[in-house]
PDB file of N, CA and C in Angstrom:
ATOM      1  N   MET A   1       0.812  -1.195   0.000  1.00  0.00           N
ATOM      2  CA  MET A   1       0.000   0.000   0.000  1.00  0.00           C
ATOM      3  C   MET A   1       0.858   1.264   0.000  1.00  0.00           C
ATOM      4  N   CYS A   2       1.954   1.243   0.770  1.00  0.00           N
ATOM      5  CA  CYS A   2       2.813   2.417   0.820  1.00  0.00           C
ATOM      6  C   CYS A   2       3.384   2.723  -0.560  1.00  0.00           C
ATOM      7  N   GLY A   3       3.777   1.686  -1.282  1.00  0.00           N
ATOM      8  CA  GLY A   3       4.300   1.883  -2.628  1.00  0.00           C
ATOM      9  C   GLY A   3       3.276   2.529  -3.540  1.00  0.00           C
ATOM     10  N   LEU A   4       2.029   2.091  -3.439  1.00  0.00           N
ATOM     11  CA  LEU A   4       0.962   2.685  -4.247  1.00  0.00           C
ATOM     12  C   LEU A   4       0.760   4.149  -3.889  1.00  0.00           C
ATOM     13  N   LEU A   5       0.826   4.472  -2.607  1.00  0.00           N
ATOM     14  CA  LEU A   5       0.674   5.871  -2.201  1.00  0.00           C
ATOM     15  C   LEU A   5       1.818   6.734  -2.729  1.00  0.00           C
ATOM     16  N   ILE A   6       3.029   6.185  -2.715  1.00  0.00           N
ATOM     17  CA  ILE A   6       4.172   6.933  -3.253  1.00  0.00           C
ATOM     18  C   ILE A   6       3.996   7.137  -4.754  1.00  0.00           C
ATOM     19  N   LEU A   7       3.605   6.088  -5.473  1.00  0.00           N
ATOM     20  CA  LEU A   7       3.382   6.216  -6.912  1.00  0.00           C
ATOM     21  C   LEU A   7       2.261   7.207  -7.216  1.00  0.00           C
ATOM     22  N   LYS A   8       1.202   7.175  -6.430  1.00  0.00           N
ATOM     23  CA  LYS A   8       0.090   8.121  -6.599  1.00  0.00           C
ATOM     24  C   LYS A   8       0.598   9.552  -6.449  1.00  0.00           C
ATOM     25  N   HIS A   9       1.431   9.758  -5.447  1.00  0.00           N
ATOM     26  CA  HIS A   9       1.986  11.090  -5.195  1.00  0.00           C
ATOM     27  C   HIS A   9       2.935  11.507  -6.323  1.00  0.00           C
ATOM     28  N   LEU A  10       3.802  10.588  -6.740  1.00  0.00           N
ATOM     29  CA  LEU A  10       4.757  10.888  -7.803  1.00  0.00           C
ATOM     30  C   LEU A  10       4.070  11.249  -9.117  1.00  0.00           C
ATOM     31  N   ARG A  11       3.037  10.509  -9.452  1.00  0.00           N
ATOM     32  CA  ARG A  11       2.350  10.680 -10.737  1.00  0.00           C
ATOM     33  C   ARG A  11       1.189  11.670 -10.672  1.00  0.00           C
ATOM     34  N   ASN A  12       0.826  12.077  -9.448  1.00  0.00           N
ATOM     35  CA  ASN A  12      -0.274  13.028  -9.247  1.00  0.00           C
ATOM     36  C   ASN A  12      -1.561  12.524  -9.918  1.00  0.00           C
ATOM     37  N   VAL A  13      -1.947  11.300  -9.549  1.00  0.00           N
ATOM     38  CA  VAL A  13      -3.132  10.675 -10.127  1.00  0.00           C
ATOM     39  C   VAL A  13      -4.088  10.260  -9.010  1.00  0.00           C
ATOM     40  N   SER A  14      -5.268   9.862  -9.398  1.00  0.00           N
ATOM     41  CA  SER A  14      -6.281   9.414  -8.436  1.00  0.00           C
ATOM     42  C   SER A  14      -5.964   8.001  -7.929  1.00  0.00           C
ATOM     43  N   ASP A  15      -6.662   7.608  -6.878  1.00  0.00           N
ATOM     44  CA  ASP A  15      -6.533   6.246  -6.357  1.00  0.00           C
ATOM     45  C   ASP A  15      -6.871   5.234  -7.445  1.00  0.00           C
ATOM     46  N   GLU A  16      -7.965   5.480  -8.148  1.00  0.00           N
ATOM     47  CA  GLU A  16      -8.413   4.562  -9.194  1.00  0.00           C
ATOM     48  C   GLU A  16      -7.354   4.407 -10.285  1.00  0.00           C
ATOM     49  N   THR A  17      -6.755   5.527 -10.674  1.00  0.00           N
ATOM     50  CA  THR A  17      -5.768   5.499 -11.760  1.00  0.00           C
ATOM     51  C   THR A  17      -4.511   4.749 -11.347  1.00  0.00           C
ATOM     52  N   VAL A  18      -4.001   5.002 -10.143  1.00  0.00           N
ATOM     53  CA  VAL A  18      -2.761   4.334  -9.738  1.00  0.00           C
ATOM     54  C   VAL A  18      -2.973   2.833  -9.595  1.00  0.00           C
ATOM     55  N   VAL A  19      -4.142   2.417  -9.127  1.00  0.00           N
ATOM     56  CA  VAL A  19      -4.438   0.982  -9.004  1.00  0.00           C
ATOM     57  C   VAL A  19      -4.531   0.347 -10.394  1.00  0.00           C
ATOM     58  N   LEU A  20      -5.203   1.023 -11.318  1.00  0.00           N
ATOM     59  CA  LEU A  20      -5.320   0.515 -12.691  1.00  0.00           C
ATOM     60  C   LEU A  20      -3.949   0.444 -13.360  1.00  0.00           C
ATOM     61  N   GLN A  21      -3.138   1.507 -13.212  1.00  0.00           N
ATOM     62  CA  GLN A  21      -1.807   1.528 -13.822  1.00  0.00           C
ATOM     63  C   GLN A  21      -0.904   0.449 -13.236  1.00  0.00           C
ATOM     64  N   TRP A  22      -1.046   0.153 -11.954  1.00  0.00           N
ATOM     65  CA  TRP A  22      -0.237  -0.878 -11.319  1.00  0.00           C
ATOM     66  C   TRP A  22      -0.440  -2.212 -12.020  1.00  0.00           C
ATOM     67  N   GLY A  23      -1.676  -2.503 -12.384  1.00  0.00           N
ATOM     68  CA  GLY A  23      -1.981  -3.760 -13.057  1.00  0.00           C
ATOM     69  C   GLY A  23      -1.452  -3.845 -14.474  1.00  0.00           C
ATOM     70  N   GLU A  24      -1.013  -2.704 -15.027  1.00  0.00           N
ATOM     71  CA  GLU A  24      -0.519  -2.656 -16.403  1.00  0.00           C
ATOM     72  C   GLU A  24       0.971  -2.362 -16.496  1.00  0.00           C
ATOM     73  N   ASN A  25       1.618  -2.079 -15.374  1.00  0.00           N
ATOM     74  CA  ASN A  25       2.973  -1.562 -15.419  1.00  0.00           C
ATOM     75  C   ASN A  25       3.913  -2.404 -14.551  1.00  0.00           C
ATOM     76  N   ALA A  26       4.815  -3.117 -15.184  1.00  0.00           N
ATOM     77  CA  ALA A  26       5.765  -3.968 -14.458  1.00  0.00           C
ATOM     78  C   ALA A  26       6.699  -3.142 -13.579  1.00  0.00           C
ATOM     79  N   TYR A  27       7.018  -1.922 -13.995  1.00  0.00           N
ATOM     80  CA  TYR A  27       7.893  -1.068 -13.189  1.00  0.00           C
ATOM     81  C   TYR A  27       7.224  -0.677 -11.876  1.00  0.00           C
ATOM     82  N   TYR A  28       5.934  -0.366 -11.923  1.00  0.00           N
ATOM     83  CA  TYR A  28       5.192  -0.068 -10.699  1.00  0.00           C
ATOM     84  C   TYR A  28       5.236  -1.270  -9.763  1.00  0.00           C
ATOM     85  N   GLN A  29       5.018  -2.446 -10.335  1.00  0.00           N
ATOM     86  CA  GLN A  29       4.979  -3.653  -9.521  1.00  0.00           C
ATOM     87  C   GLN A  29       6.343  -3.943  -8.904  1.00  0.00           C
ATOM     88  N   TYR A  30       7.396  -3.760  -9.675  1.00  0.00           N
ATOM     89  CA  TYR A  30       8.747  -3.976  -9.155  1.00  0.00           C
ATOM     90  C   TYR A  30       9.049  -2.980  -8.048  1.00  0.00           C
ATOM     91  N   PHE A  31       8.651  -1.724  -8.248  1.00  0.00           N
ATOM     92  CA  PHE A  31       8.852  -0.687  -7.228  1.00  0.00           C
ATOM     93  C   PHE A  31       8.172  -1.078  -5.920  1.00  0.00           C
ATOM     94  N   CYS A  32       7.024  -1.727  -6.025  1.00  0.00           N
ATOM     95  CA  CYS A  32       6.267  -2.128  -4.835  1.00  0.00           C
ATOM     96  C   CYS A  32       6.693  -3.483  -4.283  1.00  0.00           C
ATOM     97  N   GLY A  33       7.744  -4.072  -4.855  1.00  0.00           N
ATOM     98  CA  GLY A  33       8.282  -5.310  -4.311  1.00  0.00           C
ATOM     99  C   GLY A  33       7.745  -6.576  -4.929  1.00  0.00           C
ATOM    100  N   GLN A  34       6.957  -6.463  -5.976  1.00  0.00           N
ATOM    101  CA  GLN A  34       6.409  -7.641  -6.650  1.00  0.00           C
ATOM    102  C   GLN A  34       7.532  -8.359  -7.393  1.00  0.00           C
ATOM    103  N   LEU A  35       7.633  -9.654  -7.260  1.00  0.00           N
ATOM    104  CA  LEU A  35       8.705 -10.416  -7.890  1.00  0.00           C
ATOM    105  C   LEU A  35       8.390 -10.801  -9.331  1.00  0.00           C
ATOM    106  N   GLU A  36       7.114 -10.931  -9.652  1.00  0.00           N
ATOM    107  CA  GLU A  36       6.700 -11.290 -11.006  1.00  0.00           C
ATOM    108  C   GLU A  36       5.564 -10.380 -11.431  1.00  0.00           C
ATOM    109  N   PHE A  37       5.483 -10.119 -12.747  1.00  0.00           N
ATOM    110  CA  PHE A  37       4.397  -9.287 -13.268  1.00  0.00           C
ATOM    111  C   PHE A  37       3.061  -9.998 -13.091  1.00  0.00           C
ATOM    112  N   THR A  38       2.088  -9.266 -12.582  1.00  0.00           N
ATOM    113  CA  THR A  38       0.742  -9.777 -12.381  1.00  0.00           C
ATOM    114  C   THR A  38      -0.223  -8.832 -13.094  1.00  0.00           C
ATOM    115  N   PRO A  39      -0.880  -9.277 -14.163  1.00  0.00           N
ATOM    116  CA  PRO A  39      -1.738  -8.385 -14.950  1.00  0.00           C
ATOM    117  C   PRO A  39      -3.120  -8.150 -14.336  1.00  0.00           C
ATOM    118  N   LYS A  40      -3.138  -7.791 -13.067  1.00  0.00           N
ATOM    119  CA  LYS A  40      -4.401  -7.460 -12.411  1.00  0.00           C
ATOM    120  C   LYS A  40      -4.125  -6.426 -11.332  1.00  0.00           C
ATOM    121  N   GLU A  41      -5.155  -5.739 -10.927  1.00  0.00           N
ATOM    122  CA  GLU A  41      -5.018  -4.715  -9.907  1.00  0.00           C
ATOM    123  C   GLU A  41      -4.672  -5.357  -8.553  1.00  0.00           C
ATOM    124  N   PRO A  42      -3.846  -4.691  -7.751  1.00  0.00           N
ATOM    125  CA  PRO A  42      -3.440  -5.274  -6.469  1.00  0.00           C
ATOM    126  C   PRO A  42      -4.518  -5.203  -5.399  1.00  0.00           C
ATOM    127  N   CYS A  43      -5.465  -4.273  -5.586  1.00  0.00           N
ATOM    128  CA  CYS A  43      -6.512  -4.081  -4.593  1.00  0.00           C
ATOM    129  C   CYS A  43      -7.596  -3.210  -5.219  1.00  0.00           C
ATOM    130  N   ASP A  44      -8.635  -2.974  -4.486  1.00  0.00           N
ATOM    131  CA  ASP A  44      -9.652  -2.027  -4.907  1.00  0.00           C
ATOM    132  C   ASP A  44      -9.168  -0.626  -4.535  1.00  0.00           C
ATOM    133  N   ALA A  45      -9.497   0.354  -5.343  1.00  0.00           N
ATOM    134  CA  ALA A  45      -9.055   1.729  -5.059  1.00  0.00           C
ATOM    135  C   ALA A  45      -9.532   2.202  -3.689  1.00  0.00           C
ATOM    136  N   SER A  46     -10.673   1.726  -3.241  1.00  0.00           N
ATOM    137  CA  SER A  46     -11.188   2.138  -1.926  1.00  0.00           C
ATOM    138  C   SER A  46     -10.290   1.651  -0.786  1.00  0.00           C
ATOM    139  N   ASP A  47      -9.496   0.609  -1.029  1.00  0.00           N
ATOM    140  CA  ASP A  47      -8.568   0.126  -0.001  1.00  0.00           C
ATOM    141  C   ASP A  47      -7.520   1.184   0.340  1.00  0.00           C
ATOM    142  N   LEU A  48      -7.155   2.014  -0.629  1.00  0.00           N
ATOM    143  CA  LEU A  48      -6.193   3.089  -0.356  1.00  0.00           C
ATOM    144  C   LEU A  48      -6.785   4.100   0.618  1.00  0.00           C
ATOM    145  N   VAL A  49      -8.077   4.366   0.494  1.00  0.00           N
ATOM    146  CA  VAL A  49      -8.749   5.285   1.419  1.00  0.00           C
ATOM    147  C   VAL A  49      -8.691   4.717   2.834  1.00  0.00           C
ATOM    148  N   HIS A  50      -9.023   3.434   2.972  1.00  0.00           N
ATOM    149  CA  HIS A  50      -8.996   2.782   4.295  1.00  0.00           C
ATOM    150  C   HIS A  50      -7.580   2.762   4.863  1.00  0.00           C
ATOM    151  N   PHE A  51      -6.584   2.517   4.013  1.00  0.00           N
ATOM    152  CA  PHE A  51      -5.193   2.485   4.461  1.00  0.00           C
ATOM    153  C   PHE A  51      -4.758   3.862   4.954  1.00  0.00           C
ATOM    154  N   ARG A  52      -5.116   4.915   4.222  1.00  0.00           N
ATOM    155  CA  ARG A  52      -4.758   6.278   4.657  1.00  0.00           C
ATOM    156  C   ARG A  52      -5.393   6.603   5.996  1.00  0.00           C
ATOM    157  N   LYS A  53      -6.609   6.132   6.215  1.00  0.00           N
ATOM    158  CA  LYS A  53      -7.271   6.370   7.503  1.00  0.00           C
ATOM    159  C   LYS A  53      -6.534   5.659   8.633  1.00  0.00           C
ATOM    160  N   ARG A  54      -6.032   4.443   8.340  1.00  0.00           N
ATOM    161  CA  ARG A  54      -5.306   3.678   9.371  1.00  0.00           C
ATOM    162  C   ARG A  54      -3.978   4.325   9.731  1.00  0.00           C
ATOM    163  N   ILE A  55      -3.272   4.850   8.734  1.00  0.00           N
ATOM    164  CA  ILE A  55      -1.956   5.431   9.036  1.00  0.00           C
ATOM    165  C   ILE A  55      -2.060   6.880   9.472  1.00  0.00           C
ATOM    166  N   GLY A  56      -3.220   7.488   9.296  1.00  0.00           N
ATOM    167  CA  GLY A  56      -3.439   8.841   9.769  1.00  0.00           C
ATOM    168  C   GLY A  56      -3.297   9.875   8.670  1.00  0.00           C
ATOM    169  N   GLU A  57      -3.914  10.978   8.917  1.00  0.00           N
ATOM    170  CA  GLU A  57      -3.906  12.066   7.935  1.00  0.00           C
ATOM    171  C   GLU A  57      -2.592  12.839   7.932  1.00  0.00           C
ATOM    172  N   LYS A  58      -1.746  12.602   8.907  1.00  0.00           N
ATOM    173  CA  LYS A  58      -0.506  13.368   9.013  1.00  0.00           C
ATOM    174  C   LYS A  58       0.592  12.859   8.089  1.00  0.00           C
ATOM    175  N   LEU A  59       0.347  11.771   7.373  1.00  0.00           N
ATOM    176  CA  LEU A  59       1.357  11.253   6.466  1.00  0.00           C
ATOM    177  C   LEU A  59       1.685  12.301   5.414  1.00  0.00           C
ATOM    178  N   GLN A  60       2.947  12.630   5.319  1.00  0.00           N
ATOM    179  CA  GLN A  60       3.397  13.582   4.313  1.00  0.00           C
ATOM    180  C   GLN A  60       4.571  12.971   3.579  1.00  0.00           C
ATOM    181  N   ILE A  61       4.524  13.010   2.275  1.00  0.00           N
ATOM    182  CA  ILE A  61       5.601  12.484   1.453  1.00  0.00           C
ATOM    183  C   ILE A  61       6.230  13.644   0.706  1.00  0.00           C
ATOM    184  N   ASP A  62       7.494  13.876   0.930  1.00  0.00           N
ATOM    185  CA  ASP A  62       8.247  14.890   0.191  1.00  0.00           C
ATOM    186  C   ASP A  62       9.252  14.164  -0.684  1.00  0.00           C
ATOM    187  N   ILE A  63       9.270  14.499  -1.947  1.00  0.00           N
ATOM    188  CA  ILE A  63      10.198  13.880  -2.877  1.00  0.00           C
ATOM    189  C   ILE A  63      11.180  14.940  -3.336  1.00  0.00           C
ATOM    190  N   VAL A  64      12.449  14.681  -3.070  1.00  0.00           N
ATOM    191  CA  VAL A  64      13.495  15.626  -3.463  1.00  0.00           C
ATOM    192  C   VAL A  64      14.554  14.875  -4.259  1.00  0.00           C
ATOM    193  N   GLY A  65      15.311  15.605  -5.024  1.00  0.00           N
ATOM    194  CA  GLY A  65      16.346  14.964  -5.824  1.00  0.00           C
ATOM    195  C   GLY A  65      17.607  15.801  -5.871  1.00  0.00           C
ATOM    196  N   GLY A  66      18.711  15.119  -6.077  1.00  0.00           N
ATOM    197  CA  GLY A  66      19.996  15.810  -6.226  1.00  0.00           C
ATOM    198  C   GLY A  66      20.351  16.672  -5.043  1.00  0.00           C
ATOM    199  N   THR A  67      20.572  17.946  -5.304  1.00  0.00           N
ATOM    200  CA  THR A  67      20.999  18.873  -4.248  1.00  0.00           C
ATOM    201  C   THR A  67      19.823  19.434  -3.459  1.00  0.00           C
ATOM    202  N   ASP A  68      18.596  18.984  -3.739  1.00  0.00           N
ATOM    203  CA  ASP A  68      17.419  19.464  -3.008  1.00  0.00           C
ATOM    204  C   ASP A  68      17.282  18.828  -1.629  1.00  0.00           C
ATOM    205  N   PHE A  69      18.158  17.891  -1.290  1.00  0.00           N
ATOM    206  CA  PHE A  69      18.084  17.205   0.006  1.00  0.00           C
ATOM    207  C   PHE A  69      18.167  18.247   1.124  1.00  0.00           C
ATOM    208  N   PRO A  70      17.163  18.315   2.006  1.00  0.00           N
ATOM    209  CA  PRO A  70      17.144  19.362   3.035  1.00  0.00           C
ATOM    210  C   PRO A  70      18.238  19.167   4.093  1.00  0.00           C
ATOM    211  N   GLN A  71      18.781  20.262   4.543  1.00  0.00           N
ATOM    212  CA  GLN A  71      19.773  20.209   5.621  1.00  0.00           C
ATOM    213  C   GLN A  71      19.100  20.008   6.974  1.00  0.00           C
ATOM    214  N   ASP A  72      17.891  20.537   7.120  1.00  0.00           N
ATOM    215  CA  ASP A  72      17.134  20.367   8.358  1.00  0.00           C
ATOM    216  C   ASP A  72      16.149  19.222   8.166  1.00  0.00           C
ATOM    217  N   LEU A  73      16.437  18.101   8.783  1.00  0.00           N
ATOM    218  CA  LEU A  73      15.588  16.920   8.672  1.00  0.00           C
ATOM    219  C   LEU A  73      14.630  16.767   9.851  1.00  0.00           C
ATOM    220  N   THR A  74      14.671  17.681  10.802  1.00  0.00           N
ATOM    221  CA  THR A  74      13.866  17.539  12.015  1.00  0.00           C
ATOM    222  C   THR A  74      12.354  17.496  11.768  1.00  0.00           C
ATOM    223  N   PRO A  75      11.825  18.061  10.669  1.00  0.00           N
ATOM    224  CA  PRO A  75      10.384  17.905  10.448  1.00  0.00           C
ATOM    225  C   PRO A  75       9.979  16.482  10.045  1.00  0.00           C
ATOM    226  N   TYR A  76      10.948  15.619   9.778  1.00  0.00           N
ATOM    227  CA  TYR A  76      10.669  14.285   9.263  1.00  0.00           C
ATOM    228  C   TYR A  76      10.804  13.220  10.349  1.00  0.00           C
ATOM    229  N   SER A  77       9.997  12.173  10.209  1.00  0.00           N
ATOM    230  CA  SER A  77      10.085  11.022  11.108  1.00  0.00           C
ATOM    231  C   SER A  77      10.987   9.946  10.533  1.00  0.00           C
ATOM    232  N   LEU A  78      11.146   9.931   9.216  1.00  0.00           N
ATOM    233  CA  LEU A  78      11.920   8.906   8.537  1.00  0.00           C
ATOM    234  C   LEU A  78      12.356   9.431   7.175  1.00  0.00           C
ATOM    235  N   VAL A  79      13.576   9.086   6.774  1.00  0.00           N
ATOM    236  CA  VAL A  79      14.057   9.384   5.431  1.00  0.00           C
ATOM    237  C   VAL A  79      14.221   8.055   4.704  1.00  0.00           C
ATOM    238  N   ILE A  80      13.535   7.915   3.568  1.00  0.00           N
ATOM    239  CA  ILE A  80      13.718   6.748   2.704  1.00  0.00           C
ATOM    240  C   ILE A  80      14.479   7.243   1.490  1.00  0.00           C
ATOM    241  N   HIS A  81      15.716   6.825   1.384  1.00  0.00           N
ATOM    242  CA  HIS A  81      16.622   7.305   0.347  1.00  0.00           C
ATOM    243  C   HIS A  81      16.597   6.368  -0.848  1.00  0.00           C
ATOM    244  N   CYS A  82      16.965   6.897  -1.992  1.00  0.00           N
ATOM    245  CA  CYS A  82      17.061   6.054  -3.195  1.00  0.00           C
ATOM    246  C   CYS A  82      18.250   5.096  -3.050  1.00  0.00           C
ATOM    247  N   GLY A  83      18.458   4.289  -4.045  1.00  0.00           N
ATOM    248  CA  GLY A  83      19.574   3.349  -4.036  1.00  0.00           C
ATOM    249  C   GLY A  83      20.927   4.019  -4.236  1.00  0.00           C
ATOM    250  N   ALA A  84      20.930   5.302  -4.553  1.00  0.00           N
ATOM    251  CA  ALA A  84      22.136   6.121  -4.678  1.00  0.00           C
ATOM    252  C   ALA A  84      23.074   5.656  -5.786  1.00  0.00           C
ATOM    253  N   CYS A  85      22.504   5.163  -6.865  1.00  0.00           N
ATOM    254  CA  CYS A  85      23.353   4.678  -7.961  1.00  0.00           C
ATOM    255  C   CYS A  85      24.083   5.816  -8.671  1.00  0.00           C
ATOM    256  N   MET A  86      23.608   7.040  -8.532  1.00  0.00           N
ATOM    257  CA  MET A  86      24.234   8.178  -9.206  1.00  0.00           C
ATOM    258  C   MET A  86      25.114   9.005  -8.265  1.00  0.00           C
ATOM    259  N   PHE A  87      25.259   8.573  -7.018  1.00  0.00           N
ATOM    260  CA  PHE A  87      26.070   9.298  -6.040  1.00  0.00           C
ATOM    261  C   PHE A  87      27.294   8.478  -5.669  1.00  0.00           C
ATOM    262  N   ASN A  88      28.351   9.183  -5.275  1.00  0.00           N
ATOM    263  CA  ASN A  88      29.510   8.441  -4.785  1.00  0.00           C
ATOM    264  C   ASN A  88      29.324   8.141  -3.295  1.00  0.00           C
ATOM    265  N   ARG A  89      30.151   7.270  -2.794  1.00  0.00           N
ATOM    266  CA  ARG A  89      30.040   6.803  -1.407  1.00  0.00           C
ATOM    267  C   ARG A  89      30.118   7.957  -0.405  1.00  0.00           C
ATOM    268  N   LYS A  90      31.032   8.870  -0.622  1.00  0.00           N
ATOM    269  CA  LYS A  90      31.227   9.998   0.299  1.00  0.00           C
ATOM    270  C   LYS A  90      29.959  10.853   0.394  1.00  0.00           C
ATOM    271  N   TYR A  91      29.310  11.077  -0.736  1.00  0.00           N
ATOM    272  CA  TYR A  91      28.098  11.888  -0.763  1.00  0.00           C
ATOM    273  C   TYR A  91      26.965  11.212   0.016  1.00  0.00           C
ATOM    274  N   VAL A  92      26.805   9.914  -0.190  1.00  0.00           N
ATOM    275  CA  VAL A  92      25.761   9.176   0.522  1.00  0.00           C
ATOM    276  C   VAL A  92      26.052   9.141   2.021  1.00  0.00           C
ATOM    277  N   LEU A  93      27.297   8.887   2.376  1.00  0.00           N
ATOM    278  CA  LEU A  93      27.660   8.862   3.793  1.00  0.00           C
ATOM    279  C   LEU A  93      27.430  10.210   4.468  1.00  0.00           C
ATOM    280  N   SER A  94      27.615  11.301   3.732  1.00  0.00           N
ATOM    281  CA  SER A  94      27.372  12.626   4.320  1.00  0.00           C
ATOM    282  C   SER A  94      25.883  12.811   4.626  1.00  0.00           C
ATOM    283  N   ARG A  95      25.015  12.270   3.776  1.00  0.00           N
ATOM    284  CA  ARG A  95      23.573  12.338   4.038  1.00  0.00           C
ATOM    285  C   ARG A  95      23.197  11.461   5.233  1.00  0.00           C
ATOM    286  N   ILE A  96      23.787  10.301   5.319  1.00  0.00           N
ATOM    287  CA  ILE A  96      23.527   9.414   6.457  1.00  0.00           C
ATOM    288  C   ILE A  96      23.970  10.082   7.748  1.00  0.00           C
ATOM    289  N   GLU A  97      25.122  10.702   7.720  1.00  0.00           N
ATOM    290  CA  GLU A  97      25.641  11.400   8.909  1.00  0.00           C
ATOM    291  C   GLU A  97      24.741  12.568   9.299  1.00  0.00           C
ATOM    292  N   LEU A  98      24.246  13.303   8.318  1.00  0.00           N
ATOM    293  CA  LEU A  98      23.328  14.412   8.583  1.00  0.00           C
ATOM    294  C   LEU A  98      22.082  13.914   9.304  1.00  0.00           C
ATOM    295  N   ALA A  99      21.521  12.814   8.835  1.00  0.00           N
ATOM    296  CA  ALA A  99      20.339  12.232   9.480  1.00  0.00           C
ATOM    297  C   ALA A  99      20.675  11.726  10.883  1.00  0.00           C
ATOM    298  N   ARG A 100      21.833  11.079  11.029  1.00  0.00           N
ATOM    299  CA  ARG A 100      22.237  10.550  12.336  1.00  0.00           C
ATOM    300  C   ARG A 100      22.381  11.677  13.361  1.00  0.00           C
ATOM    301  N   LYS A 101      23.009  12.775  12.963  1.00  0.00           N
ATOM    302  CA  LYS A 101      23.205  13.904  13.884  1.00  0.00           C
ATOM    303  C   LYS A 101      21.883  14.509  14.344  1.00  0.00           C
ATOM    304  N   GLN A 102      20.852  14.390  13.517  1.00  0.00           N
ATOM    305  CA  GLN A 102      19.545  14.948  13.857  1.00  0.00           C
ATOM    306  C   GLN A 102      18.586  13.892  14.414  1.00  0.00           C
ATOM    307  N   ASN A 103      19.134  12.677  14.655  1.00  0.00           N
ATOM    308  CA  ASN A 103      18.350  11.565  15.208  1.00  0.00           C
ATOM    309  C   ASN A 103      17.134  11.210  14.353  1.00  0.00           C
ATOM    310  N   ILE A 104      17.326  11.240  13.042  1.00  0.00           N
ATOM    311  CA  ILE A 104      16.263  10.869  12.114  1.00  0.00           C
ATOM    312  C   ILE A 104      16.647   9.539  11.467  1.00  0.00           C
ATOM    313  N   PRO A 105      15.838   8.485  11.638  1.00  0.00           N
ATOM    314  CA  PRO A 105      16.170   7.201  11.017  1.00  0.00           C
ATOM    315  C   PRO A 105      16.167   7.325   9.496  1.00  0.00           C
ATOM    316  N   MET A 106      17.057   6.561   8.863  1.00  0.00           N
ATOM    317  CA  MET A 106      17.190   6.616   7.415  1.00  0.00           C
ATOM    318  C   MET A 106      17.433   5.213   6.877  1.00  0.00           C
ATOM    319  N   THR A 107      16.783   4.901   5.781  1.00  0.00           N
ATOM    320  CA  THR A 107      16.991   3.632   5.107  1.00  0.00           C
ATOM    321  C   THR A 107      16.897   3.894   3.610  1.00  0.00           C
ATOM    322  N   ASN A 108      17.163   2.881   2.806  1.00  0.00           N
ATOM    323  CA  ASN A 108      16.935   3.067   1.377  1.00  0.00           C
ATOM    324  C   ASN A 108      15.619   2.396   0.999  1.00  0.00           C
ATOM    325  N   TYR A 109      15.115   2.718  -0.185  1.00  0.00           N
ATOM    326  CA  TYR A 109      13.787   2.224  -0.528  1.00  0.00           C
ATOM    327  C   TYR A 109      13.757   0.718  -0.735  1.00  0.00           C
ATOM    328  N   GLY A 110      14.864   0.112  -1.100  1.00  0.00           N
ATOM    329  CA  GLY A 110      14.889  -1.343  -1.247  1.00  0.00           C
ATOM    330  C   GLY A 110      14.629  -2.045   0.070  1.00  0.00           C
ATOM    331  N   VAL A 111      15.271  -1.572   1.125  1.00  0.00           N
ATOM    332  CA  VAL A 111      15.062  -2.151   2.454  1.00  0.00           C
ATOM    333  C   VAL A 111      13.644  -1.849   2.937  1.00  0.00           C
ATOM    334  N   ALA A 112      13.160  -0.630   2.672  1.00  0.00           N
ATOM    335  CA  ALA A 112      11.802  -0.262   3.089  1.00  0.00           C
ATOM    336  C   ALA A 112      10.767  -1.162   2.414  1.00  0.00           C
ATOM    337  N   ILE A 113      10.929  -1.404   1.117  1.00  0.00           N
ATOM    338  CA  ILE A 113       9.995  -2.256   0.390  1.00  0.00           C
ATOM    339  C   ILE A 113      10.076  -3.696   0.903  1.00  0.00           C
ATOM    340  N   ALA A 114      11.280  -4.168   1.160  1.00  0.00           N
ATOM    341  CA  ALA A 114      11.448  -5.524   1.699  1.00  0.00           C
ATOM    342  C   ALA A 114      10.754  -5.652   3.054  1.00  0.00           C
ATOM    343  N   PHE A 115      10.887  -4.639   3.893  1.00  0.00           N
ATOM    344  CA  PHE A 115      10.235  -4.646   5.204  1.00  0.00           C
ATOM    345  C   PHE A 115       8.720  -4.672   5.051  1.00  0.00           C
ATOM    346  N   LEU A 116       8.196  -3.787   4.199  1.00  0.00           N
ATOM    347  CA  LEU A 116       6.748  -3.684   4.026  1.00  0.00           C
ATOM    348  C   LEU A 116       6.135  -4.947   3.442  1.00  0.00           C
ATOM    349  N   ASN A 117       6.931  -5.717   2.708  1.00  0.00           N
ATOM    350  CA  ASN A 117       6.442  -6.957   2.114  1.00  0.00           C
ATOM    351  C   ASN A 117       6.782  -8.188   2.948  1.00  0.00           C
ATOM    352  N   GLY A 118       7.314  -7.990   4.152  1.00  0.00           N
ATOM    353  CA  GLY A 118       7.592  -9.097   5.056  1.00  0.00           C
ATOM    354  C   GLY A 118       8.816  -9.926   4.700  1.00  0.00           C
ATOM    355  N   ILE A 119       9.613  -9.447   3.752  1.00  0.00           N
ATOM    356  CA  ILE A 119      10.787 -10.203   3.318  1.00  0.00           C
ATOM    357  C   ILE A 119      11.859 -10.247   4.405  1.00  0.00           C
ATOM    358  N   LEU A 120      12.022  -9.162   5.140  1.00  0.00           N
ATOM    359  CA  LEU A 120      13.061  -9.123   6.179  1.00  0.00           C
ATOM    360  C   LEU A 120      12.800 -10.146   7.274  1.00  0.00           C
ATOM    361  N   ASP A 121      11.535 -10.445   7.508  1.00  0.00           N
ATOM    362  CA  ASP A 121      11.190 -11.432   8.541  1.00  0.00           C
ATOM    363  C   ASP A 121      11.622 -12.852   8.147  1.00  0.00           C
ATOM    364  N   ARG A 122      11.839 -13.070   6.865  1.00  0.00           N
ATOM    365  CA  ARG A 122      12.194 -14.418   6.387  1.00  0.00           C
ATOM    366  C   ARG A 122      13.709 -14.638   6.295  1.00  0.00           C
ATOM    367  N   ILE A 123      14.485 -13.617   6.594  1.00  0.00           N
ATOM    368  CA  ILE A 123      15.936 -13.745   6.504  1.00  0.00           C
ATOM    369  C   ILE A 123      16.455 -14.573   7.678  1.00  0.00           C
ATOM    370  N   GLU A 124      17.278 -15.546   7.354  1.00  0.00           N
ATOM    371  CA  GLU A 124      17.903 -16.361   8.394  1.00  0.00           C
ATOM    372  C   GLU A 124      19.357 -15.945   8.515  1.00  0.00           C
ATOM    373  N   TYR A 125      19.795 -15.758   9.749  1.00  0.00           N
ATOM    374  CA  TYR A 125      21.176 -15.328   9.989  1.00  0.00           C
ATOM    375  C   TYR A 125      22.032 -16.497  10.369  1.00  0.00           C
TER     376      TYR A 125
END
């Protein structure tokens, strides 16, 4: 559900549209952690309304890129970072350090998606 909400926000579309597009778009499905393409909608659009009610109206998603990364992270409860394929190690570590100094948890979207899909619970150490 979180992936659908992020896609809805990114594409600026309705609940109905993002659910319909998910069933037609392998990239959407991969972004949401789906391992294989499934040519059907993941849920009813009304499920997104119920999910938003459960997580609360205070959910805010800010999408920034490149140098738009805010220096003040205190308004945020969590930072979900991209995979950083276009950044060097030093640049990514500086962002991690910035979040650490402000006591803001940070992860990348791959780990976040794995967590939301219960994959992390299946890891054996």
